[in-house]
C-alpha atoms as a PDB file:
ATOM      1  CA  UNK A   1     -27.716 -41.567  30.328  1.00  0.00           C
ATOM      2  CA  UNK A   2     -30.379 -40.131  28.132  1.00  0.00           C
ATOM      3  CA  UNK A   3     -29.698 -36.651  29.556  1.00  0.00           C
ATOM      4  CA  UNK A   4     -25.984 -37.027  28.769  1.00  0.00           C
ATOM      5  CA  UNK A   5     -26.731 -38.165  25.236  1.00  0.00           C
ATOM      6  CA  UNK A   6     -29.085 -35.231  24.739  1.00  0.00           C
ATOM      7  CA  UNK A   7     -26.523 -32.779  26.121  1.00  0.00           C
ATOM      8  CA  UNK A   8     -23.826 -34.098  23.775  1.00  0.00           C
ATOM      9  CA  UNK A   9     -26.231 -33.849  20.837  1.00  0.00           C
ATOM     10  CA  UNK A  10     -27.049 -30.261  21.711  1.00  0.00           C
ATOM     11  CA  UNK A  11     -23.338 -29.377  22.048  1.00  0.00           C
ATOM     12  CA  UNK A  12     -22.566 -30.939  18.657  1.00  0.00           C
ATOM     13  CA  UNK A  13     -25.465 -29.090  17.066  1.00  0.00           C
ATOM     14  CA  UNK A  14     -24.305 -25.779  18.539  1.00  0.00           C
ATOM     15  CA  UNK A  15     -20.720 -26.394  17.417  1.00  0.00           C
ATOM     16  CA  UNK A  16     -21.869 -27.300  13.896  1.00  0.00           C
ATOM     17  CA  UNK A  17     -24.071 -24.217  13.740  1.00  0.00           C
ATOM     18  CA  UNK A  18     -21.180 -21.977  14.839  1.00  0.00           C
ATOM     19  CA  UNK A  19     -18.780 -23.477  12.280  1.00  0.00           C
ATOM     20  CA  UNK A  20     -21.392 -23.171   9.547  1.00  0.00           C
ATOM     21  CA  UNK A  21     -21.611 -19.463  10.211  1.00  0.00           C
ATOM     22  CA  UNK A  22     -17.850 -18.946  10.114  1.00  0.00           C
ATOM     23  CA  UNK A  23     -16.403 -17.856   6.782  1.00  0.00           C
ATOM     24  CA  UNK A  24     -12.793 -18.028   5.638  1.00  0.00           C
ATOM     25  CA  UNK A  25     -11.699 -15.524   3.022  1.00  0.00           C
ATOM     26  CA  UNK A  26      -8.391 -15.223   1.191  1.00  0.00           C
ATOM     27  CA  UNK A  27      -6.642 -12.203  -0.255  1.00  0.00           C
ATOM     28  CA  UNK A  28      -3.194 -11.427  -1.621  1.00  0.00           C
ATOM     29  CA  UNK A  29      -1.195  -8.492  -2.893  1.00  0.00           C
ATOM     30  CA  UNK A  30       0.373  -5.252  -1.770  1.00  0.00           C
ATOM     31  CA  UNK A  31       2.903  -5.118   1.067  1.00  0.00           C
ATOM     32  CA  UNK A  32       2.375  -1.327   1.330  1.00  0.00           C
ATOM     33  CA  UNK A  33      -0.791  -1.733   3.496  1.00  0.00           C
ATOM     34  CA  UNK A  34       0.113  -5.146   4.940  1.00  0.00           C
ATOM     35  CA  UNK A  35       0.798  -3.932   8.519  1.00  0.00           C
ATOM     36  CA  UNK A  36      -2.634  -2.301   8.545  1.00  0.00           C
ATOM     37  CA  UNK A  37      -4.450  -5.186   6.866  1.00  0.00           C
ATOM     38  CA  UNK A  38      -2.995  -7.726   9.305  1.00  0.00           C
ATOM     39  CA  UNK A  39      -4.335  -5.652  12.198  1.00  0.00           C
ATOM     40  CA  UNK A  40      -7.668  -5.014  10.490  1.00  0.00           C
ATOM     41  CA  UNK A  41      -8.291  -8.672   9.755  1.00  0.00           C
ATOM     42  CA  UNK A  42      -7.298  -9.676  13.275  1.00  0.00           C
ATOM     43  CA  UNK A  43      -9.878  -7.252  14.674  1.00  0.00           C
ATOM     44  CA  UNK A  44     -12.429  -8.317  12.056  1.00  0.00           C
ATOM     45  CA  UNK A  45     -12.111 -11.923  13.203  1.00  0.00           C
ATOM     46  CA  UNK A  46     -12.691 -10.859  16.813  1.00  0.00           C
ATOM     47  CA  UNK A  47     -15.787  -8.920  15.775  1.00  0.00           C
ATOM     48  CA  UNK A  48     -17.335 -11.414  13.364  1.00  0.00           C
ATOM     49  CA  UNK A  49     -15.591 -14.796  13.855  1.00  0.00           C
ATOM     50  CA  UNK A  50     -14.829 -14.707  10.129  1.00  0.00           C
ATOM     51  CA  UNK A  51     -11.195 -15.219   9.154  1.00  0.00           C
ATOM     52  CA  UNK A  52      -9.369 -13.352   6.392  1.00  0.00           C
ATOM     53  CA  UNK A  53      -6.055 -14.845   5.334  1.00  0.00           C
ATOM     54  CA  UNK A  54      -4.054 -12.068   3.682  1.00  0.00           C
ATOM     55  CA  UNK A  55      -0.698 -12.746   2.011  1.00  0.00           C
ATOM     56  CA  UNK A  56       1.582  -9.778   1.290  1.00  0.00           C
ATOM     57  CA  UNK A  57       3.147 -10.984  -1.949  1.00  0.00           C
ATOM     58  CA  UNK A  58       3.394  -7.651  -3.785  1.00  0.00           C
ATOM     59  CA  UNK A  59       0.858  -5.830  -5.921  1.00  0.00           C
ATOM     60  CA  UNK A  60       1.810  -7.552  -9.165  1.00  0.00           C
ATOM     61  CA  UNK A  61       1.497 -11.035  -7.694  1.00  0.00           C
ATOM     62  CA  UNK A  62      -1.763 -10.068  -5.996  1.00  0.00           C
ATOM     63  CA  UNK A  63      -3.292  -8.946  -9.290  1.00  0.00           C
ATOM     64  CA  UNK A  64      -2.112 -12.188 -10.918  1.00  0.00           C
ATOM     65  CA  UNK A  65      -3.783 -14.246  -8.198  1.00  0.00           C
ATOM     66  CA  UNK A  66      -7.017 -12.301  -8.619  1.00  0.00           C
ATOM     67  CA  UNK A  67      -6.910 -12.895 -12.385  1.00  0.00           C
ATOM     68  CA  UNK A  68      -6.268 -16.597 -11.752  1.00  0.00           C
ATOM     69  CA  UNK A  69      -9.297 -16.544  -9.400  1.00  0.00           C
ATOM     70  CA  UNK A  70      -7.340 -18.238  -6.624  1.00  0.00           C
ATOM     71  CA  UNK A  71      -8.224 -15.552  -4.037  1.00  0.00           C
ATOM     72  CA  UNK A  72     -11.418 -13.805  -2.994  1.00  0.00           C
ATOM     73  CA  UNK A  73      -9.795 -10.406  -3.459  1.00  0.00           C
ATOM     74  CA  UNK A  74      -6.545  -8.898  -4.636  1.00  0.00           C
ATOM     75  CA  UNK A  75      -4.746  -5.841  -3.308  1.00  0.00           C
ATOM     76  CA  UNK A  76      -2.632  -3.316  -5.171  1.00  0.00           C
ATOM     77  CA  UNK A  77      -1.132   0.149  -4.743  1.00  0.00           C
ATOM     78  CA  UNK A  78      -1.273   0.626  -8.526  1.00  0.00           C
ATOM     79  CA  UNK A  79      -4.411   0.635 -10.659  1.00  0.00           C
ATOM     80  CA  UNK A  80      -4.538  -2.380 -12.943  1.00  0.00           C
ATOM     81  CA  UNK A  81      -2.834  -1.593 -16.252  1.00  0.00           C
ATOM     82  CA  UNK A  82      -4.168  -2.332 -19.729  1.00  0.00           C
ATOM     83  CA  UNK A  83      -2.480  -5.734 -19.961  1.00  0.00           C
ATOM     84  CA  UNK A  84      -3.796  -6.827 -16.566  1.00  0.00           C
ATOM     85  CA  UNK A  85      -7.279  -5.585 -17.393  1.00  0.00           C
ATOM     86  CA  UNK A  86      -7.269  -7.574 -20.640  1.00  0.00           C
ATOM     87  CA  UNK A  87      -6.142 -10.717 -18.851  1.00  0.00           C
ATOM     88  CA  UNK A  88      -8.854 -10.243 -16.207  1.00  0.00           C
ATOM     89  CA  UNK A  89     -11.458 -10.521 -18.949  1.00  0.00           C
ATOM     90  CA  UNK A  90     -14.080  -8.665 -16.909  1.00  0.00           C
ATOM     91  CA  UNK A  91     -14.495  -5.469 -14.897  1.00  0.00           C
ATOM     92  CA  UNK A  92     -12.568  -5.240 -11.627  1.00  0.00           C
ATOM     93  CA  UNK A  93     -13.527  -2.571  -9.089  1.00  0.00           C
ATOM     94  CA  UNK A  94     -10.829  -0.723  -7.136  1.00  0.00           C
ATOM     95  CA  UNK A  95     -11.811   0.013  -3.538  1.00  0.00           C
ATOM     96  CA  UNK A  96      -9.538   2.560  -1.792  1.00  0.00           C
ATOM     97  CA  UNK A  97      -8.851   1.651   1.845  1.00  0.00           C
ATOM     98  CA  UNK A  98      -6.327   4.081   3.353  1.00  0.00           C
ATOM     99  CA  UNK A  99      -3.618   6.664   2.651  1.00  0.00           C
ATOM    100  CA  UNK A 100       0.032   5.860   3.317  1.00  0.00           C
ATOM    101  CA  UNK A 101       3.423   7.449   2.793  1.00  0.00           C
ATOM    102  CA  UNK A 102       6.394   6.191   0.808  1.00  0.00           C
ATOM    103  CA  UNK A 103       9.538   7.409   2.528  1.00  0.00           C
ATOM    104  CA  UNK A 104      13.107   7.613   1.318  1.00  0.00           C
ATOM    105  CA  UNK A 105      15.090   5.753   3.962  1.00  0.00           C
ATOM    106  CA  UNK A 106      18.860   5.446   4.251  1.00  0.00           C
ATOM    107  CA  UNK A 107      21.739   4.019   6.242  1.00  0.00           C
ATOM    108  CA  UNK A 108      24.408   6.704   6.626  1.00  0.00           C
ATOM    109  CA  UNK A 109      27.160   5.643   9.031  1.00  0.00           C
ATOM    110  CA  UNK A 110      27.210   7.953  12.036  1.00  0.00           C
ATOM    111  CA  UNK A 111      23.952   9.727  11.216  1.00  0.00           C
ATOM    112  CA  UNK A 112      20.446   8.933  12.499  1.00  0.00           C
ATOM    113  CA  UNK A 113      18.682  12.192  11.677  1.00  0.00           C
ATOM    114  CA  UNK A 114      16.391  13.343   8.875  1.00  0.00           C
ATOM    115  CA  UNK A 115      18.020  14.598   5.703  1.00  0.00           C
ATOM    116  CA  UNK A 116      16.336  17.211   3.572  1.00  0.00           C
ATOM    117  CA  UNK A 117      15.863  15.960   0.020  1.00  0.00           C
ATOM    118  CA  UNK A 118      14.096  17.287  -3.063  1.00  0.00           C
ATOM    119  CA  UNK A 119      12.442  15.405  -5.900  1.00  0.00           C
ATOM    120  CA  UNK A 120      15.171  16.175  -8.470  1.00  0.00           C
ATOM    121  CA  UNK A 121      17.909  15.048  -6.069  1.00  0.00           C
ATOM    122  CA  UNK A 122      16.075  11.813  -5.250  1.00  0.00           C
ATOM    123  CA  UNK A 123      15.573  11.173  -8.965  1.00  0.00           C
ATOM    124  CA  UNK A 124      19.274  11.743  -9.706  1.00  0.00           C
ATOM    125  CA  UNK A 125      20.218   9.273  -6.967  1.00  0.00           C
ATOM    126  CA  UNK A 126      17.964   6.583  -8.413  1.00  0.00           C
ATOM    127  CA  UNK A 127      19.187   7.402 -11.919  1.00  0.00           C
ATOM    128  CA  UNK A 128      22.734   6.753 -10.736  1.00  0.00           C
ATOM    129  CA  UNK A 129      23.853  10.339 -11.378  1.00  0.00           C
ATOM    130  CA  UNK A 130      24.514  11.119  -7.707  1.00  0.00           C
ATOM    131  CA  UNK A 131      26.781   8.394  -6.349  1.00  0.00           C
ATOM    132  CA  UNK A 132      28.353   9.819  -3.152  1.00  0.00           C
ATOM    133  CA  UNK A 133      26.754  11.031   0.072  1.00  0.00           C
ATOM    134  CA  UNK A 134      28.842  14.194   0.000  1.00  0.00           C
ATOM    135  CA  UNK A 135      27.621  15.171  -3.460  1.00  0.00           C
ATOM    136  CA  UNK A 136      27.183  18.939  -3.692  1.00  0.00           C
ATOM    137  CA  UNK A 137      23.434  18.630  -4.297  1.00  0.00           C
ATOM    138  CA  UNK A 138      22.916  16.763  -0.998  1.00  0.00           C
ATOM    139  CA  UNK A 139      25.372  18.884   1.018  1.00  0.00           C
ATOM    140  CA  UNK A 140      23.718  22.096  -0.184  1.00  0.00           C
ATOM    141  CA  UNK A 141      20.396  20.943   1.274  1.00  0.00           C
ATOM    142  CA  UNK A 142      22.021  19.704   4.507  1.00  0.00           C
ATOM    143  CA  UNK A 143      24.975  22.008   5.287  1.00  0.00           C
ATOM    144  CA  UNK A 144      24.991  21.161   9.005  1.00  0.00           C
ATOM    145  CA  UNK A 145      25.191  17.377   8.580  1.00  0.00           C
ATOM    146  CA  UNK A 146      28.822  16.402   9.187  1.00  0.00           C
ATOM    147  CA  UNK A 147      28.335  12.714   8.392  1.00  0.00           C
ATOM    148  CA  UNK A 148      28.043  13.332   4.636  1.00  0.00           C
ATOM    149  CA  UNK A 149      31.370  11.813   3.566  1.00  0.00           C
ATOM    150  CA  UNK A 150      32.436  10.342   0.234  1.00  0.00           C
ATOM    151  CA  UNK A 151      30.734   7.063   1.153  1.00  0.00           C
ATOM    152  CA  UNK A 152      29.273   5.372  -1.934  1.00  0.00           C
ATOM    153  CA  UNK A 153      25.497   5.456  -2.272  1.00  0.00           C
ATOM    154  CA  UNK A 154      24.004   1.977  -2.678  1.00  0.00           C
ATOM    155  CA  UNK A 155      20.552   2.177  -4.237  1.00  0.00           C
ATOM    156  CA  UNK A 156      18.064  -0.432  -2.998  1.00  0.00           C
ATOM    157  CA  UNK A 157      14.846  -0.889  -4.955  1.00  0.00           C
ATOM    158  CA  UNK A 158      12.140  -3.480  -5.430  1.00  0.00           C
ATOM    159  CA  UNK A 159      12.942  -6.732  -7.190  1.00  0.00           C
ATOM    160  CA  UNK A 160       9.288  -7.607  -7.792  1.00  0.00           C
ATOM    161  CA  UNK A 161       6.348  -5.962  -9.559  1.00  0.00           C
ATOM    162  CA  UNK A 162       5.221  -3.443  -6.975  1.00  0.00           C
ATOM    163  CA  UNK A 163       2.562  -0.830  -6.430  1.00  0.00           C
ATOM    164  CA  UNK A 164       5.006   0.980  -4.167  1.00  0.00           C
ATOM    165  CA  UNK A 165       7.379   1.173  -7.156  1.00  0.00           C
ATOM    166  CA  UNK A 166       4.518   2.424  -9.325  1.00  0.00           C
ATOM    167  CA  UNK A 167       3.836   5.317  -6.957  1.00  0.00           C
ATOM    168  CA  UNK A 168       7.521   6.036  -6.360  1.00  0.00           C
ATOM    169  CA  UNK A 169       8.289   6.135 -10.093  1.00  0.00           C
ATOM    170  CA  UNK A 170       5.189   8.289 -10.581  1.00  0.00           C
ATOM    171  CA  UNK A 171       6.761  10.748  -8.147  1.00  0.00           C
ATOM    172  CA  UNK A 172      10.182  10.578  -9.834  1.00  0.00           C
ATOM    173  CA  UNK A 173       8.606  11.136 -13.262  1.00  0.00           C
ATOM    174  CA  UNK A 174       6.748  14.217 -12.026  1.00  0.00           C
ATOM    175  CA  UNK A 175       9.967  15.617 -10.548  1.00  0.00           C
ATOM    176  CA  UNK A 176      12.437  14.641 -13.284  1.00  0.00           C
ATOM    177  CA  UNK A 177      11.997  14.792 -17.044  1.00  0.00           C
ATOM    178  CA  UNK A 178      14.953  12.448 -17.429  1.00  0.00           C
ATOM    179  CA  UNK A 179      13.158   9.851 -15.311  1.00  0.00           C
ATOM    180  CA  UNK A 180       9.876  10.426 -17.167  1.00  0.00           C
ATOM    181  CA  UNK A 181      11.610   9.954 -20.526  1.00  0.00           C
ATOM    182  CA  UNK A 182      13.642   6.998 -19.269  1.00  0.00           C
ATOM    183  CA  UNK A 183      12.391   4.354 -16.820  1.00  0.00           C
ATOM    184  CA  UNK A 184       8.991   6.052 -16.642  1.00  0.00           C
ATOM    185  CA  UNK A 185       5.998   5.183 -14.471  1.00  0.00           C
ATOM    186  CA  UNK A 186       5.568   1.457 -13.943  1.00  0.00           C
ATOM    187  CA  UNK A 187       5.268  -1.166 -11.243  1.00  0.00           C
ATOM    188  CA  UNK A 188       8.361  -3.004 -12.491  1.00  0.00           C
ATOM    189  CA  UNK A 189      10.791  -0.490 -14.032  1.00  0.00           C
ATOM    190  CA  UNK A 190      14.151  -1.163 -15.635  1.00  0.00           C
ATOM    191  CA  UNK A 191      16.183   0.354 -12.830  1.00  0.00           C
ATOM    192  CA  UNK A 192      19.342   2.151 -13.994  1.00  0.00           C
ATOM    193  CA  UNK A 193      21.195   1.147 -10.809  1.00  0.00           C
ATOM    194  CA  UNK A 194      20.752  -0.722  -7.561  1.00  0.00           C
ATOM    195  CA  UNK A 195      20.105  -4.024  -5.871  1.00  0.00           C
ATOM    196  CA  UNK A 196      16.639  -5.469  -5.419  1.00  0.00           C
ATOM    197  CA  UNK A 197      14.697  -6.540  -2.348  1.00  0.00           C
ATOM    198  CA  UNK A 198      11.403  -8.428  -2.386  1.00  0.00           C
ATOM    199  CA  UNK A 199       8.497  -6.485  -0.977  1.00  0.00           C
ATOM    200  CA  UNK A 200       8.670  -3.526   1.373  1.00  0.00           C
ATOM    201  CA  UNK A 201      10.164  -5.818   4.056  1.00  0.00           C
ATOM    202  CA  UNK A 202      12.960  -6.875   1.700  1.00  0.00           C
ATOM    203  CA  UNK A 203      13.942  -3.310   0.817  1.00  0.00           C
ATOM    204  CA  UNK A 204      13.858  -2.264   4.479  1.00  0.00           C
ATOM    205  CA  UNK A 205      16.067  -5.225   5.451  1.00  0.00           C
ATOM    206  CA  UNK A 206      18.655  -4.382   2.773  1.00  0.00           C
ATOM    207  CA  UNK A 207      18.847  -0.727   3.751  1.00  0.00           C
ATOM    208  CA  UNK A 208      19.160  -1.578   7.433  1.00  0.00           C
ATOM    209  CA  UNK A 209      22.045  -3.964   6.737  1.00  0.00           C
ATOM    210  CA  UNK A 210      24.055  -2.121   4.072  1.00  0.00           C
ATOM    211  CA  UNK A 211      26.055   1.008   5.072  1.00  0.00           C
ATOM    212  CA  UNK A 212      25.605   3.873   2.598  1.00  0.00           C
ATOM    213  CA  UNK A 213      22.367   2.477   1.209  1.00  0.00           C
ATOM    214  CA  UNK A 214      19.161   4.281   0.282  1.00  0.00           C
ATOM    215  CA  UNK A 215      15.746   2.874  -0.583  1.00  0.00           C
ATOM    216  CA  UNK A 216      12.010   3.568  -0.559  1.00  0.00           C
ATOM    217  CA  UNK A 217       9.418   1.877   1.658  1.00  0.00           C
ATOM    218  CA  UNK A 218       6.013   2.493   3.164  1.00  0.00           C
ATOM    219  CA  UNK A 219       6.636   4.466   6.350  1.00  0.00           C
ATOM    220  CA  UNK A 220       5.432   1.716   8.700  1.00  0.00           C
ATOM    221  CA  UNK A 221       8.442  -0.403   7.716  1.00  0.00           C
ATOM    222  CA  UNK A 222      10.890   2.428   8.429  1.00  0.00           C
ATOM    223  CA  UNK A 223       9.315   3.118  11.819  1.00  0.00           C
ATOM    224  CA  UNK A 224       9.141  -0.545  12.815  1.00  0.00           C
ATOM    225  CA  UNK A 225      12.834  -0.957  12.001  1.00  0.00           C
ATOM    226  CA  UNK A 226      13.836   2.374  13.624  1.00  0.00           C
ATOM    227  CA  UNK A 227      15.278   3.594  10.318  1.00  0.00           C
ATOM    228  CA  UNK A 228      16.015   7.197   9.347  1.00  0.00           C
ATOM    229  CA  UNK A 229      14.095   8.770   6.477  1.00  0.00           C
ATOM    230  CA  UNK A 230      14.094  12.066   4.634  1.00  0.00           C
ATOM    231  CA  UNK A 231      11.868  15.080   4.969  1.00  0.00           C
ATOM    232  CA  UNK A 232      10.939  15.778   1.366  1.00  0.00           C
ATOM    233  CA  UNK A 233      10.250  19.109  -0.274  1.00  0.00           C
ATOM    234  CA  UNK A 234       6.748  19.394  -1.705  1.00  0.00           C
ATOM    235  CA  UNK A 235       5.476  21.495  -4.604  1.00  0.00           C
ATOM    236  CA  UNK A 236       4.856  24.439  -2.282  1.00  0.00           C
ATOM    237  CA  UNK A 237       8.539  24.394  -1.334  1.00  0.00           C
ATOM    238  CA  UNK A 238       8.027  23.065   2.196  1.00  0.00           C
ATOM    239  CA  UNK A 239       9.989  20.154   3.648  1.00  0.00           C
ATOM    240  CA  UNK A 240       7.443  17.664   4.965  1.00  0.00           C
ATOM    241  CA  UNK A 241       7.737  14.983   7.634  1.00  0.00           C
ATOM    242  CA  UNK A 242       5.691  11.940   6.601  1.00  0.00           C
ATOM    243  CA  UNK A 243       5.409  10.690  10.191  1.00  0.00           C
ATOM    244  CA  UNK A 244       2.864  13.428  10.880  1.00  0.00           C
ATOM    245  CA  UNK A 245      -0.475  11.929   9.873  1.00  0.00           C
ATOM    246  CA  UNK A 246      -1.877  15.395   9.112  1.00  0.00           C
ATOM    247  CA  UNK A 247       0.520  15.697   6.154  1.00  0.00           C
ATOM    248  CA  UNK A 248      -0.998  12.558   4.597  1.00  0.00           C
ATOM    249  CA  UNK A 249      -4.532  13.674   5.353  1.00  0.00           C
ATOM    250  CA  UNK A 250      -3.868  16.990   3.644  1.00  0.00           C
ATOM    251  CA  UNK A 251      -2.358  15.304   0.590  1.00  0.00           C
ATOM    252  CA  UNK A 252      -5.509  13.170   0.294  1.00  0.00           C
ATOM    253  CA  UNK A 253      -7.819  16.176   0.444  1.00  0.00           C
ATOM    254  CA  UNK A 254      -8.780  15.910  -3.207  1.00  0.00           C
ATOM    255  CA  UNK A 255     -11.883  14.857  -5.104  1.00  0.00           C
ATOM    256  CA  UNK A 256     -11.668  11.094  -5.564  1.00  0.00           C
ATOM    257  CA  UNK A 257     -12.891  10.045  -9.025  1.00  0.00           C
ATOM    258  CA  UNK A 258     -15.944   7.783  -9.225  1.00  0.00           C
ATOM    259  CA  UNK A 259     -13.738   4.776 -10.076  1.00  0.00           C
ATOM    260  CA  UNK A 260     -11.729   5.331  -6.874  1.00  0.00           C
ATOM    261  CA  UNK A 261      -8.401   5.579  -8.719  1.00  0.00           C
ATOM    262  CA  UNK A 262      -7.060   8.736  -7.084  1.00  0.00           C
ATOM    263  CA  UNK A 263      -3.512   9.973  -7.729  1.00  0.00           C
ATOM    264  CA  UNK A 264      -2.173  11.694  -4.594  1.00  0.00           C
ATOM    265  CA  UNK A 265       1.441  11.967  -5.757  1.00  0.00           C
ATOM    266  CA  UNK A 266       2.971  15.477  -5.730  1.00  0.00           C
ATOM    267  CA  UNK A 267       0.062  17.046  -3.912  1.00  0.00           C
ATOM    268  CA  UNK A 268      -0.576  20.762  -4.376  1.00  0.00           C
ATOM    269  CA  UNK A 269      -1.382  21.047  -0.651  1.00  0.00           C
ATOM    270  CA  UNK A 270       0.935  23.449   1.170  1.00  0.00           C
ATOM    271  CA  UNK A 271       1.585  20.965   3.970  1.00  0.00           C
ATOM    272  CA  UNK A 272       0.868  17.746   2.094  1.00  0.00           C
ATOM    273  CA  UNK A 273       3.504  15.030   1.968  1.00  0.00           C
ATOM    274  CA  UNK A 274       4.468  14.672  -1.722  1.00  0.00           C
ATOM    275  CA  UNK A 275       4.862  10.872  -1.880  1.00  0.00           C
ATOM    276  CA  UNK A 276       1.496   9.996  -0.362  1.00  0.00           C
ATOM    277  CA  UNK A 277      -0.536   7.246  -1.977  1.00  0.00           C
ATOM    278  CA  UNK A 278      -3.745   5.325  -1.612  1.00  0.00           C
ATOM    279  CA  UNK A 279      -4.082   1.571  -2.054  1.00  0.00           C
ATOM    280  CA  UNK A 280      -6.920  -0.601  -3.300  1.00  0.00           C
ATOM    281  CA  UNK A 281      -8.724  -3.861  -2.626  1.00  0.00           C
ATOM    282  CA  UNK A 282      -9.654  -5.443  -5.966  1.00  0.00           C
ATOM    283  CA  UNK A 283     -12.719  -7.587  -6.660  1.00  0.00           C
ATOM    284  CA  UNK A 284     -14.498  -8.672  -9.815  1.00  0.00           C
ATOM    285  CA  UNK A 285     -17.587  -6.573 -10.411  1.00  0.00           C
ATOM    286  CA  UNK A 286     -19.565  -9.688 -11.415  1.00  0.00           C
ATOM    287  CA  UNK A 287     -19.111 -12.327  -8.725  1.00  0.00           C
ATOM    288  CA  UNK A 288     -21.162 -15.011 -10.495  1.00  0.00           C
ATOM    289  CA  UNK A 289     -17.956 -16.877 -11.397  1.00  0.00           C
ATOM    290  CA  UNK A 290     -17.447 -17.818  -7.718  1.00  0.00           C
ATOM    291  CA  UNK A 291     -20.486 -20.077  -7.679  1.00  0.00           C
ATOM    292  CA  UNK A 292     -21.018 -19.032  -4.066  1.00  0.00           C
ATOM    293  CA  UNK A 293     -23.179 -15.972  -3.581  1.00  0.00           C
ATOM    294  CA  UNK A 294     -23.008 -16.128   0.216  1.00  0.00           C
ATOM    295  CA  UNK A 295     -19.211 -16.121   0.257  1.00  0.00           C
ATOM    296  CA  UNK A 296     -19.071 -13.272  -2.258  1.00  0.00           C
ATOM    297  CA  UNK A 297     -21.404 -11.304  -0.025  1.00  0.00           C
ATOM    298  CA  UNK A 298     -19.130 -11.973   2.966  1.00  0.00           C
ATOM    299  CA  UNK A 299     -16.143 -10.689   0.964  1.00  0.00           C
ATOM    300  CA  UNK A 300     -17.940  -7.397   0.381  1.00  0.00           C
ATOM    301  CA  UNK A 301     -19.021  -7.211   4.034  1.00  0.00           C
ATOM    302  CA  UNK A 302     -15.383  -7.577   5.098  1.00  0.00           C
ATOM    303  CA  UNK A 303     -14.337  -4.725   2.797  1.00  0.00           C
ATOM    304  CA  UNK A 304     -17.261  -2.627   4.049  1.00  0.00           C
ATOM    305  CA  UNK A 305     -15.985  -3.186   7.601  1.00  0.00           C
ATOM    306  CA  UNK A 306     -12.526  -1.982   6.518  1.00  0.00           C
ATOM    307  CA  UNK A 307     -14.089   1.245   5.226  1.00  0.00           C
ATOM    308  CA  UNK A 308     -15.961   1.927   8.461  1.00  0.00           C
ATOM    309  CA  UNK A 309     -15.014   0.239  11.743  1.00  0.00           C
ATOM    310  CA  UNK A 310     -11.569  -0.579  10.371  1.00  0.00           C
ATOM    311  CA  UNK A 311     -10.678   3.067   9.746  1.00  0.00           C
ATOM    312  CA  UNK A 312     -10.222   3.559  13.493  1.00  0.00           C
ATOM    313  CA  UNK A 313      -7.041   1.467  13.208  1.00  0.00           C
ATOM    314  CA  UNK A 314      -5.357   3.501  10.462  1.00  0.00           C
ATOM    315  CA  UNK A 315      -3.663   6.284  12.389  1.00  0.00           C
ATOM    316  CA  UNK A 316      -2.239   3.997  15.059  1.00  0.00           C
ATOM    317  CA  UNK A 317      -0.231   2.300  12.307  1.00  0.00           C
ATOM    318  CA  UNK A 318       0.763   5.550  10.527  1.00  0.00           C
ATOM    319  CA  UNK A 319      -1.838   5.457   7.763  1.00  0.00           C
ATOM    320  CA  UNK A 320      -4.316   8.270   7.281  1.00  0.00           C
ATOM    321  CA  UNK A 321      -8.034   7.582   7.215  1.00  0.00           C
ATOM    322  CA  UNK A 322      -9.809   7.869   3.902  1.00  0.00           C
ATOM    323  CA  UNK A 323     -11.505  11.249   3.458  1.00  0.00           C
ATOM    324  CA  UNK A 324     -15.264  11.053   4.057  1.00  0.00           C
ATOM    325  CA  UNK A 325     -16.012  11.712   0.386  1.00  0.00           C
ATOM    326  CA  UNK A 326     -13.619   8.922  -0.624  1.00  0.00           C
ATOM    327  CA  UNK A 327     -15.435   6.494   1.671  1.00  0.00           C
ATOM    328  CA  UNK A 328     -18.651   7.383  -0.145  1.00  0.00           C
ATOM    329  CA  UNK A 329     -16.977   6.638  -3.489  1.00  0.00           C
ATOM    330  CA  UNK A 330     -15.804   3.287  -2.115  1.00  0.00           C
ATOM    331  CA  UNK A 331     -19.297   2.478  -0.812  1.00  0.00           C
ATOM    332  CA  UNK A 332     -20.800   3.140  -4.240  1.00  0.00           C
ATOM    333  CA  UNK A 333     -18.224   0.887  -5.878  1.00  0.00           C
ATOM    334  CA  UNK A 334     -18.991  -1.948  -3.467  1.00  0.00           C
ATOM    335  CA  UNK A 335     -22.712  -1.527  -4.046  1.00  0.00           C
ATOM    336  CA  UNK A 336     -22.088  -1.905  -7.793  1.00  0.00           C
ATOM    337  CA  UNK A 337     -20.805  -5.481  -7.359  1.00  0.00           C
ATOM    338  CA  UNK A 338     -23.368  -8.082  -8.442  1.00  0.00           C
ATOM    339  CA  UNK A 339     -24.118 -11.796  -8.500  1.00  0.00           C
ATOM    340  CA  UNK A 340     -26.316 -13.012 -11.347  1.00  0.00           C
ATOM    341  CA  UNK A 341     -27.187  -9.401 -12.038  1.00  0.00           C
ATOM    342  CA  UNK A 342     -28.300  -8.615  -8.481  1.00  0.00           C
ATOM    343  CA  UNK A 343     -26.444  -6.287  -6.106  1.00  0.00           C
ATOM    344  CA  UNK A 344     -24.818  -8.102  -3.198  1.00  0.00           C
ATOM    345  CA  UNK A 345     -25.072  -5.158  -0.817  1.00  0.00           C
ATOM    346  CA  UNK A 346     -28.215  -3.089  -0.192  1.00  0.00           C
END
């Protein structure tokens, strides 16, 4: 009896010790990297027993939750703007995690191939100036595509504040003065035309369901849904297929600034995909507000894992790895995060 009691006591002690070592973290934000983050955090749990609950609610909502201090980290495809920074009330570091592609996807009845599109043509579609699939500007780029009839173009765009929209409008503004002078570069533009879907999944669902529609999503959503998307002309004049990881890697072959906020849109690279973008994990630089130094340290360890072991998962989900120099920038940013004035990572 005594042996049984002792055995039970030991088992309880071991179980308590294991649970005490397990950490649960929460994050929220961008849907652009969500397929990758879900996989990363699943593998992270297997490796460390620590659980990361990530909610893809959109970049804008993720930043708001970080500001409200209801999550351990936020996630955004757009750098925090002046208003968000003011509301945060303290420095927030932006940790780049991967490189992805925003593709222009469409539902053209009777056609499953890849259209050739240029920046000015894409901008005119989203401005509402090109309204039919057989518009001369589209036909001229795709003379052999017989499915380009007078079907109406239905523009599908984001309904929520979105980092994907920020990067897409950044591209449109660089390719079209009319877009730059009109809706401009923002995560929640006043769209001239179109219907809205929530998150990348919402836009993908609309385009898949509505004949004649066109939208923009992170490439993983187009591939998962077996949707067609355009090969887009870059600044060098080449039409680039975003499904080839090398085109994203080449677009990211730039010097990342020390704050990590790299702009990859409209790459000068000859074979770089022009609507490539990075995305960021966001954490307060001073973690003292959490009142839990150990948990703050675990948050940084999880992000560190994403920058190292986690990078092996990127290409399998159609994201490019961060360039080596960009990883170094991200490491330095993580090492700058403090608690009561002391660095949390060595």
